[in-house]
All heavy atoms as atom14 arrays in JSON, in Angstrom:
{
  "sequence": "DIKKLKINYLKLEKKFHISLINNLKNDYIVKVYNSTQEMIS",
  "atom14_mask": [
    [1, 1, 1, 1, 1, 1, 1, 1, 0, 0, 0, 0, 0, 0],
    [1, 1, 1, 1, 1, 1, 1, 1, 0, 0, 0, 0, 0, 0],
    [1, 1, 1, 1, 1, 1, 1, 1, 1, 0, 0, 0, 0, 0],
    [1, 1, 1, 1, 1, 1, 1, 1, 1, 0, 0, 0, 0, 0],
    [1, 1, 1, 1, 1, 1, 1, 1, 0, 0, 0, 0, 0, 0],
    [1, 1, 1, 1, 1, 1, 1, 1, 1, 0, 0, 0, 0, 0],
    [1, 1, 1, 1, 1, 1, 1, 1, 0, 0, 0, 0, 0, 0],
    [1, 1, 1, 1, 1, 1, 1, 1, 0, 0, 0, 0, 0, 0],
    [1, 1, 1, 1, 1, 1, 1, 1, 1, 1, 1, 1, 0, 0],
    [1, 1, 1, 1, 1, 1, 1, 1, 0, 0, 0, 0, 0, 0],
    [1, 1, 1, 1, 1, 1, 1, 1, 1, 0, 0, 0, 0, 0],
    [1, 1, 1, 1, 1, 1, 1, 1, 0, 0, 0, 0, 0, 0],
    [1, 1, 1, 1, 1, 1, 1, 1, 1, 0, 0, 0, 0, 0],
    [1, 1, 1, 1, 1, 1, 1, 1, 1, 0, 0, 0, 0, 0],
    [1, 1, 1, 1, 1, 1, 1, 1, 1, 0, 0, 0, 0, 0],
    [1, 1, 1, 1, 1, 1, 1, 1, 1, 1, 1, 0, 0, 0],
    [1, 1, 1, 1, 1, 1, 1, 1, 1, 1, 0, 0, 0, 0],
    [1, 1, 1, 1, 1, 1, 1, 1, 0, 0, 0, 0, 0, 0],
    [1, 1, 1, 1, 1, 1, 0, 0, 0, 0, 0, 0, 0, 0],
    [1, 1, 1, 1, 1, 1, 1, 1, 0, 0, 0, 0, 0, 0],
    [1, 1, 1, 1, 1, 1, 1, 1, 0, 0, 0, 0, 0, 0],
    [1, 1, 1, 1, 1, 1, 1, 1, 0, 0, 0, 0, 0, 0],
    [1, 1, 1, 1, 1, 1, 1, 1, 0, 0, 0, 0, 0, 0],
    [1, 1, 1, 1, 1, 1, 1, 1, 0, 0, 0, 0, 0, 0],
    [1, 1, 1, 1, 1, 1, 1, 1, 1, 0, 0, 0, 0, 0],
    [1, 1, 1, 1, 1, 1, 1, 1, 0, 0, 0, 0, 0, 0],
    [1, 1, 1, 1, 1, 1, 1, 1, 0, 0, 0, 0, 0, 0],
    [1, 1, 1, 1, 1, 1, 1, 1, 1, 1, 1, 1, 0, 0],
    [1, 1, 1, 1, 1, 1, 1, 1, 0, 0, 0, 0, 0, 0],
    [1, 1, 1, 1, 1, 1, 1, 0, 0, 0, 0, 0, 0, 0],
    [1, 1, 1, 1, 1, 1, 1, 1, 1, 0, 0, 0, 0, 0],
    [1, 1, 1, 1, 1, 1, 1, 0, 0, 0, 0, 0, 0, 0],
    [1, 1, 1, 1, 1, 1, 1, 1, 1, 1, 1, 1, 0, 0],
    [1, 1, 1, 1, 1, 1, 1, 1, 0, 0, 0, 0, 0, 0],
    [1, 1, 1, 1, 1, 1, 0, 0, 0, 0, 0, 0, 0, 0],
    [1, 1, 1, 1, 1, 1, 1, 0, 0, 0, 0, 0, 0, 0],
    [1, 1, 1, 1, 1, 1, 1, 1, 1, 0, 0, 0, 0, 0],
    [1, 1, 1, 1, 1, 1, 1, 1, 1, 0, 0, 0, 0, 0],
    [1, 1, 1, 1, 1, 1, 1, 1, 0, 0, 0, 0, 0, 0],
    [1, 1, 1, 1, 1, 1, 1, 1, 0, 0, 0, 0, 0, 0],
    [1, 1, 1, 1, 1, 1, 0, 0, 0, 0, 0, 0, 0, 0]
  ],
  "atom14_positions": [
    [[63.08, 82.07, 108.42], [63.88, 83.15, 108.99], [64.29, 84.08, 107.84], [65.12, 83.72, 107.01], [65.12, 82.56, 109.68], [66.0, 83.63, 110.33], [66.03, 84.77, 109.83], [66.66, 83.31, 111.33], [0.0, 0.0, 0.0], [0.0, 0.0, 0.0], [0.0, 0.0, 0.0], [0.0, 0.0, 0.0], [0.0, 0.0, 0.0], [0.0, 0.0, 0.0]],
    [[63.68, 85.28, 107.77], [63.86, 86.18, 106.64], [65.32, 86.6, 106.47], [65.85, 86.63, 105.35], [62.98, 87.45, 106.78], [61.51, 87.06, 106.95], [63.16, 88.36, 105.57], [60.94, 86.28, 105.8], [0.0, 0.0, 0.0], [0.0, 0.0, 0.0], [0.0, 0.0, 0.0], [0.0, 0.0, 0.0], [0.0, 0.0, 0.0], [0.0, 0.0, 0.0]],
    [[65.98, 86.89, 107.59], [67.38, 87.32, 107.51], [68.25, 86.22, 106.91], [69.09, 86.47, 106.04], [67.88, 87.7, 108.9], [69.28, 88.32, 108.9], [69.68, 88.77, 110.29], [71.07, 89.39, 110.28], [71.49, 89.83, 111.64], [0.0, 0.0, 0.0], [0.0, 0.0, 0.0], [0.0, 0.0, 0.0], [0.0, 0.0, 0.0], [0.0, 0.0, 0.0]],
    [[68.05, 85.0, 107.38], [68.82, 83.86, 106.87], [68.49, 83.6, 105.4], [69.38, 83.29, 104.59], [68.51, 82.61, 107.7], [69.35, 81.4, 107.34], [69.04, 80.23, 108.25], [69.86, 79.01, 107.87], [69.53, 77.84, 108.74], [0.0, 0.0, 0.0], [0.0, 0.0, 0.0], [0.0, 0.0, 0.0], [0.0, 0.0, 0.0], [0.0, 0.0, 0.0]],
    [[67.21, 83.74, 105.04], [66.79, 83.55, 103.66], [67.48, 84.54, 102.73], [67.97, 84.16, 101.66], [65.26, 83.71, 103.54], [64.69, 83.72, 102.11], [64.94, 82.38, 101.43], [63.19, 84.04, 102.14], [0.0, 0.0, 0.0], [0.0, 0.0, 0.0], [0.0, 0.0, 0.0], [0.0, 0.0, 0.0], [0.0, 0.0, 0.0], [0.0, 0.0, 0.0]],
    [[67.54, 85.81, 103.14], [68.19, 86.84, 102.33], [69.66, 86.52, 102.1], [70.17, 86.64, 100.98], [68.05, 88.2, 102.99], [66.65, 88.79, 102.93], [66.61, 90.15, 103.62], [65.22, 90.76, 103.56], [65.15, 92.07, 104.24], [0.0, 0.0, 0.0], [0.0, 0.0, 0.0], [0.0, 0.0, 0.0], [0.0, 0.0, 0.0], [0.0, 0.0, 0.0]],
    [[70.33, 86.09, 103.18], [71.76, 85.75, 103.08], [71.96, 84.59, 102.09], [72.82, 84.64, 101.21], [72.34, 85.4, 104.46], [72.39, 86.65, 105.35], [73.73, 84.79, 104.33], [72.71, 86.38, 106.8], [0.0, 0.0, 0.0], [0.0, 0.0, 0.0], [0.0, 0.0, 0.0], [0.0, 0.0, 0.0], [0.0, 0.0, 0.0], [0.0, 0.0, 0.0]],
    [[71.14, 83.54, 102.25], [71.26, 82.36, 101.38], [70.92, 82.7, 99.93], [71.58, 82.21, 99.0], [70.34, 81.25, 101.88], [70.82, 80.64, 103.18], [72.0, 80.71, 103.51], [69.92, 80.06, 103.94], [0.0, 0.0, 0.0], [0.0, 0.0, 0.0], [0.0, 0.0, 0.0], [0.0, 0.0, 0.0], [0.0, 0.0, 0.0], [0.0, 0.0, 0.0]],
    [[69.91, 83.55, 99.74], [69.54, 83.94, 98.38], [70.65, 84.74, 97.71], [71.0, 84.48, 96.55], [68.24, 84.75, 98.38], [68.03, 85.46, 97.07], [67.69, 84.74, 95.92], [68.23, 86.84, 96.96], [67.56, 85.38, 94.69], [68.1, 87.47, 95.74], [67.76, 86.75, 94.61], [67.64, 87.38, 93.41], [0.0, 0.0, 0.0], [0.0, 0.0, 0.0]],
    [[71.19, 85.73, 98.43], [72.23, 86.58, 97.84], [73.47, 85.76, 97.47], [74.12, 86.03, 96.46], [72.59, 87.73, 98.79], [71.49, 88.79, 98.96], [71.85, 89.76, 100.08], [71.26, 89.54, 97.65], [0.0, 0.0, 0.0], [0.0, 0.0, 0.0], [0.0, 0.0, 0.0], [0.0, 0.0, 0.0], [0.0, 0.0, 0.0], [0.0, 0.0, 0.0]],
    [[73.78, 84.76, 98.29], [74.91, 83.87, 97.98], [74.62, 83.09, 96.7], [75.49, 82.94, 95.83], [75.15, 82.89, 99.14], [75.85, 83.5, 100.34], [76.06, 82.44, 101.4], [76.76, 83.02, 102.64], [76.89, 81.99, 103.71], [0.0, 0.0, 0.0], [0.0, 0.0, 0.0], [0.0, 0.0, 0.0], [0.0, 0.0, 0.0], [0.0, 0.0, 0.0]],
    [[73.38, 82.57, 96.59], [73.02, 81.77, 95.41], [72.94, 82.64, 94.16], [73.37, 82.23, 93.08], [71.68, 81.06, 95.65], [71.22, 80.12, 94.54], [72.27, 79.04, 94.27], [69.88, 79.49, 94.9], [0.0, 0.0, 0.0], [0.0, 0.0, 0.0], [0.0, 0.0, 0.0], [0.0, 0.0, 0.0], [0.0, 0.0, 0.0], [0.0, 0.0, 0.0]],
    [[72.4, 83.84, 94.31], [72.32, 84.76, 93.17], [73.72, 85.06, 92.63], [73.96, 85.01, 91.42], [71.63, 86.07, 93.58], [71.47, 87.03, 92.4], [71.05, 88.43, 92.82], [71.59, 88.93, 93.82], [70.23, 89.01, 92.13], [0.0, 0.0, 0.0], [0.0, 0.0, 0.0], [0.0, 0.0, 0.0], [0.0, 0.0, 0.0], [0.0, 0.0, 0.0]],
    [[74.64, 85.35, 93.55], [76.01, 85.62, 93.14], [76.63, 84.4, 92.46], [77.28, 84.52, 91.42], [76.85, 86.03, 94.36], [78.28, 86.4, 94.0], [79.05, 86.89, 95.22], [80.47, 87.3, 94.86], [81.22, 87.79, 96.03], [0.0, 0.0, 0.0], [0.0, 0.0, 0.0], [0.0, 0.0, 0.0], [0.0, 0.0, 0.0], [0.0, 0.0, 0.0]],
    [[76.42, 83.23, 93.03], [76.97, 81.99, 92.48], [76.43, 81.73, 91.07], [77.18, 81.34, 90.17], [76.63, 80.81, 93.39], [77.24, 79.49, 92.94], [76.95, 78.39, 93.95], [77.6, 77.08, 93.52], [77.34, 76.0, 94.51], [0.0, 0.0, 0.0], [0.0, 0.0, 0.0], [0.0, 0.0, 0.0], [0.0, 0.0, 0.0], [0.0, 0.0, 0.0]],
    [[75.14, 81.97, 90.88], [74.51, 81.74, 89.58], [75.14, 82.63, 88.51], [75.54, 82.15, 87.44], [73.0, 82.02, 89.67], [72.3, 81.99, 88.34], [72.02, 80.78, 87.72], [71.91, 83.16, 87.71], [71.37, 80.74, 86.49], [71.27, 83.14, 86.49], [71.0, 81.92, 85.87], [0.0, 0.0, 0.0], [0.0, 0.0, 0.0], [0.0, 0.0, 0.0]],
    [[75.22, 83.92, 88.78], [75.73, 84.85, 87.77], [77.24, 84.7, 87.57], [77.72, 84.79, 86.44], [75.36, 86.28, 88.13], [73.89, 86.56, 87.97], [73.32, 86.8, 86.75], [72.88, 86.61, 88.87], [72.02, 87.0, 86.9], [71.73, 86.89, 88.17], [0.0, 0.0, 0.0], [0.0, 0.0, 0.0], [0.0, 0.0, 0.0], [0.0, 0.0, 0.0]],
    [[77.97, 84.45, 88.65], [79.42, 84.25, 88.52], [79.72, 82.96, 87.74], [80.72, 82.88, 87.02], [80.1, 84.24, 89.9], [80.13, 85.64, 90.48], [81.51, 83.7, 89.81], [80.96, 86.65, 89.69], [0.0, 0.0, 0.0], [0.0, 0.0, 0.0], [0.0, 0.0, 0.0], [0.0, 0.0, 0.0], [0.0, 0.0, 0.0], [0.0, 0.0, 0.0]],
    [[78.85, 81.96, 87.86], [79.05, 80.72, 87.09], [79.01, 81.0, 85.59], [79.68, 80.33, 84.79], [77.99, 79.67, 87.45], [76.74, 79.99, 86.89], [0.0, 0.0, 0.0], [0.0, 0.0, 0.0], [0.0, 0.0, 0.0], [0.0, 0.0, 0.0], [0.0, 0.0, 0.0], [0.0, 0.0, 0.0], [0.0, 0.0, 0.0], [0.0, 0.0, 0.0]],
    [[78.24, 82.02, 85.21], [78.23, 82.45, 83.8], [79.52, 83.2, 83.46], [80.2, 82.88, 82.48], [77.03, 83.36, 83.53], [75.62, 82.78, 83.69], [74.59, 83.87, 83.44], [75.41, 81.61, 82.75], [0.0, 0.0, 0.0], [0.0, 0.0, 0.0], [0.0, 0.0, 0.0], [0.0, 0.0, 0.0], [0.0, 0.0, 0.0], [0.0, 0.0, 0.0]],
    [[79.84, 84.19, 84.3], [80.99, 85.07, 84.03], [82.3, 84.29, 83.96], [83.17, 84.59, 83.14], [81.11, 86.18, 85.11], [79.8, 86.95, 85.23], [82.26, 87.12, 84.79], [79.3, 87.56, 83.96], [0.0, 0.0, 0.0], [0.0, 0.0, 0.0], [0.0, 0.0, 0.0], [0.0, 0.0, 0.0], [0.0, 0.0, 0.0], [0.0, 0.0, 0.0]],
    [[82.44, 83.28, 84.8], [83.69, 82.5, 84.83], [83.97, 81.78, 83.52], [85.11, 81.41, 83.25], [83.65, 81.49, 85.98], [83.87, 82.16, 87.33], [84.38, 83.28, 87.41], [83.49, 81.49, 88.4], [0.0, 0.0, 0.0], [0.0, 0.0, 0.0], [0.0, 0.0, 0.0], [0.0, 0.0, 0.0], [0.0, 0.0, 0.0], [0.0, 0.0, 0.0]],
    [[82.92, 81.6, 82.7], [83.12, 80.94, 81.41], [83.99, 81.75, 80.47], [84.57, 81.23, 79.52], [81.76, 80.68, 80.73], [80.95, 79.63, 81.47], [81.46, 78.56, 81.76], [79.72, 79.93, 81.77], [0.0, 0.0, 0.0], [0.0, 0.0, 0.0], [0.0, 0.0, 0.0], [0.0, 0.0, 0.0], [0.0, 0.0, 0.0], [0.0, 0.0, 0.0]],
    [[84.07, 83.05, 80.73], [84.89, 83.92, 79.87], [86.38, 83.74, 80.12], [87.2, 84.12, 79.29], [84.49, 85.38, 80.08], [83.07, 85.75, 79.65], [82.74, 87.17, 80.1], [82.91, 85.63, 78.14], [0.0, 0.0, 0.0], [0.0, 0.0, 0.0], [0.0, 0.0, 0.0], [0.0, 0.0, 0.0], [0.0, 0.0, 0.0], [0.0, 0.0, 0.0]],
    [[86.7, 83.2, 81.31], [88.11, 82.98, 81.68], [88.93, 84.26, 81.51], [90.02, 84.25, 80.92], [88.72, 81.83, 80.88], [87.99, 80.51, 81.04], [88.69, 79.38, 80.35], [87.88, 78.09, 80.38], [87.48, 77.67, 81.72], [0.0, 0.0, 0.0], [0.0, 0.0, 0.0], [0.0, 0.0, 0.0], [0.0, 0.0, 0.0], [0.0, 0.0, 0.0]],
    [[88.36, 85.36, 82.01], [88.99, 86.67, 81.86], [88.95, 87.38, 83.21], [87.89, 87.87, 83.63], [88.25, 87.48, 80.79], [88.92, 88.79, 80.46], [89.36, 89.52, 81.34], [88.99, 89.12, 79.18], [0.0, 0.0, 0.0], [0.0, 0.0, 0.0], [0.0, 0.0, 0.0], [0.0, 0.0, 0.0], [0.0, 0.0, 0.0], [0.0, 0.0, 0.0]],
    [[90.08, 87.41, 83.9], [90.13, 87.99, 85.24], [89.76, 89.47, 85.26], [89.17, 89.95, 86.22], [91.54, 87.81, 85.84], [91.85, 86.35, 86.14], [90.9, 85.56, 86.24], [93.04, 86.01, 86.25], [0.0, 0.0, 0.0], [0.0, 0.0, 0.0], [0.0, 0.0, 0.0], [0.0, 0.0, 0.0], [0.0, 0.0, 0.0], [0.0, 0.0, 0.0]],
    [[90.11, 90.17, 84.19], [89.81, 91.6, 84.13], [88.29, 91.82, 84.08], [87.76, 92.68, 84.79], [90.46, 92.24, 82.91], [90.17, 93.72, 82.79], [90.79, 94.64, 83.62], [89.24, 94.19, 81.86], [90.51, 96.0, 83.52], [88.95, 95.54, 81.76], [89.59, 96.44, 82.6], [89.3, 97.78, 82.51], [0.0, 0.0, 0.0], [0.0, 0.0, 0.0]],
    [[87.6, 91.04, 83.26], [86.14, 91.17, 83.16], [85.48, 90.81, 84.49], [84.55, 91.47, 84.94], [85.59, 90.29, 82.02], [86.0, 90.88, 80.67], [84.06, 90.18, 82.11], [85.56, 90.07, 79.47], [0.0, 0.0, 0.0], [0.0, 0.0, 0.0], [0.0, 0.0, 0.0], [0.0, 0.0, 0.0], [0.0, 0.0, 0.0], [0.0, 0.0, 0.0]],
    [[85.98, 89.75, 85.14], [85.43, 89.36, 86.44], [85.58, 90.5, 87.45], [84.65, 90.79, 88.21], [86.14, 88.08, 86.98], [85.73, 87.8, 88.43], [85.79, 86.88, 86.1], [0.0, 0.0, 0.0], [0.0, 0.0, 0.0], [0.0, 0.0, 0.0], [0.0, 0.0, 0.0], [0.0, 0.0, 0.0], [0.0, 0.0, 0.0], [0.0, 0.0, 0.0]],
    [[86.73, 91.16, 87.42], [86.98, 92.27, 88.34], [86.01, 93.43, 88.08], [85.43, 94.0, 89.01], [88.43, 92.75, 88.18], [88.86, 93.8, 89.18], [90.32, 94.15, 88.99], [90.77, 95.23, 89.98], [92.2, 95.58, 89.8], [0.0, 0.0, 0.0], [0.0, 0.0, 0.0], [0.0, 0.0, 0.0], [0.0, 0.0, 0.0], [0.0, 0.0, 0.0]],
    [[85.83, 93.79, 86.8], [84.9, 94.87, 86.42], [83.48, 94.5, 86.81], [82.73, 95.32, 87.34], [84.99, 95.16, 84.91], [83.87, 96.1, 84.47], [86.35, 95.76, 84.56], [0.0, 0.0, 0.0], [0.0, 0.0, 0.0], [0.0, 0.0, 0.0], [0.0, 0.0, 0.0], [0.0, 0.0, 0.0], [0.0, 0.0, 0.0], [0.0, 0.0, 0.0]],
    [[83.12, 93.24, 86.55], [81.76, 92.77, 86.86], [81.49, 92.84, 88.36], [80.45, 93.33, 88.81], [81.59, 91.33, 86.37], [80.21, 90.77, 86.65], [79.16, 91.0, 85.76], [79.95, 90.03, 87.79], [77.89, 90.49, 86.01], [78.68, 89.53, 88.05], [77.65, 89.76, 87.16], [76.4, 89.27, 87.42], [0.0, 0.0, 0.0], [0.0, 0.0, 0.0]],
    [[82.44, 92.36, 89.16], [82.28, 92.36, 90.61], [82.16, 93.79, 91.16], [81.37, 94.06, 92.06], [83.45, 91.64, 91.29], [83.35, 90.13, 91.15], [82.27, 89.59, 90.95], [84.47, 89.44, 91.24], [0.0, 0.0, 0.0], [0.0, 0.0, 0.0], [0.0, 0.0, 0.0], [0.0, 0.0, 0.0], [0.0, 0.0, 0.0], [0.0, 0.0, 0.0]],
    [[82.95, 94.7, 90.59], [82.89, 96.1, 91.02], [81.53, 96.71, 90.7], [80.95, 97.44, 91.51], [84.0, 96.89, 90.32], [83.95, 98.25, 90.68], [0.0, 0.0, 0.0], [0.0, 0.0, 0.0], [0.0, 0.0, 0.0], [0.0, 0.0, 0.0], [0.0, 0.0, 0.0], [0.0, 0.0, 0.0], [0.0, 0.0, 0.0], [0.0, 0.0, 0.0]],
    [[81.01, 96.38, 89.52], [79.68, 96.88, 89.12], [78.6, 96.33, 90.03], [77.71, 97.07, 90.48], [79.38, 96.48, 87.65], [80.4, 96.99, 86.8], [78.03, 97.02, 87.2], [0.0, 0.0, 0.0], [0.0, 0.0, 0.0], [0.0, 0.0, 0.0], [0.0, 0.0, 0.0], [0.0, 0.0, 0.0], [0.0, 0.0, 0.0], [0.0, 0.0, 0.0]],
    [[78.69, 95.05, 90.33], [77.7, 94.42, 91.21], [77.74, 95.01, 92.61], [76.71, 95.19, 93.25], [77.96, 92.91, 91.3], [77.13, 92.09, 90.33], [75.65, 92.33, 90.49], [75.05, 93.14, 89.79], [75.02, 91.66, 91.42], [0.0, 0.0, 0.0], [0.0, 0.0, 0.0], [0.0, 0.0, 0.0], [0.0, 0.0, 0.0], [0.0, 0.0, 0.0]],
    [[78.94, 95.33, 93.08], [79.07, 95.91, 94.42], [78.42, 97.28, 94.47], [77.74, 97.62, 95.46], [80.55, 96.01, 94.8], [80.76, 96.38, 96.25], [82.21, 96.23, 96.67], [83.11, 96.61, 95.89], [82.45, 95.73, 97.78], [0.0, 0.0, 0.0], [0.0, 0.0, 0.0], [0.0, 0.0, 0.0], [0.0, 0.0, 0.0], [0.0, 0.0, 0.0]],
    [[78.58, 98.06, 93.41], [77.95, 99.39, 93.39], [76.43, 99.26, 93.36], [75.72, 100.03, 94.0], [78.44, 100.2, 92.19], [77.91, 101.62, 92.18], [78.76, 102.7, 91.0], [80.21, 103.17, 91.95], [0.0, 0.0, 0.0], [0.0, 0.0, 0.0], [0.0, 0.0, 0.0], [0.0, 0.0, 0.0], [0.0, 0.0, 0.0], [0.0, 0.0, 0.0]],
    [[75.92, 98.27, 92.62], [74.47, 98.03, 92.6], [73.98, 97.67, 93.99], [72.97, 98.19, 94.47], [74.12, 96.9, 91.6], [74.34, 97.36, 90.16], [72.67, 96.45, 91.79], [74.21, 96.26, 89.13], [0.0, 0.0, 0.0], [0.0, 0.0, 0.0], [0.0, 0.0, 0.0], [0.0, 0.0, 0.0], [0.0, 0.0, 0.0], [0.0, 0.0, 0.0]],
    [[74.73, 96.79, 94.69], [74.34, 96.36, 96.04], [74.32, 97.53, 97.01], [73.39, 97.67, 97.82], [75.3, 95.28, 96.55], [75.25, 94.14, 95.74], [0.0, 0.0, 0.0], [0.0, 0.0, 0.0], [0.0, 0.0, 0.0], [0.0, 0.0, 0.0], [0.0, 0.0, 0.0], [0.0, 0.0, 0.0], [0.0, 0.0, 0.0], [0.0, 0.0, 0.0]]
  ]
}
């Protein structure tokens, strides 16, 4: 199911990259990163 696959992939993609960003333990950077990602999306 392509629609379901896209949803599952986008969730995993976000989880993968956020798992990296969270290592910085910096809420401000996480906020900037999320905003940038949203504009890309």
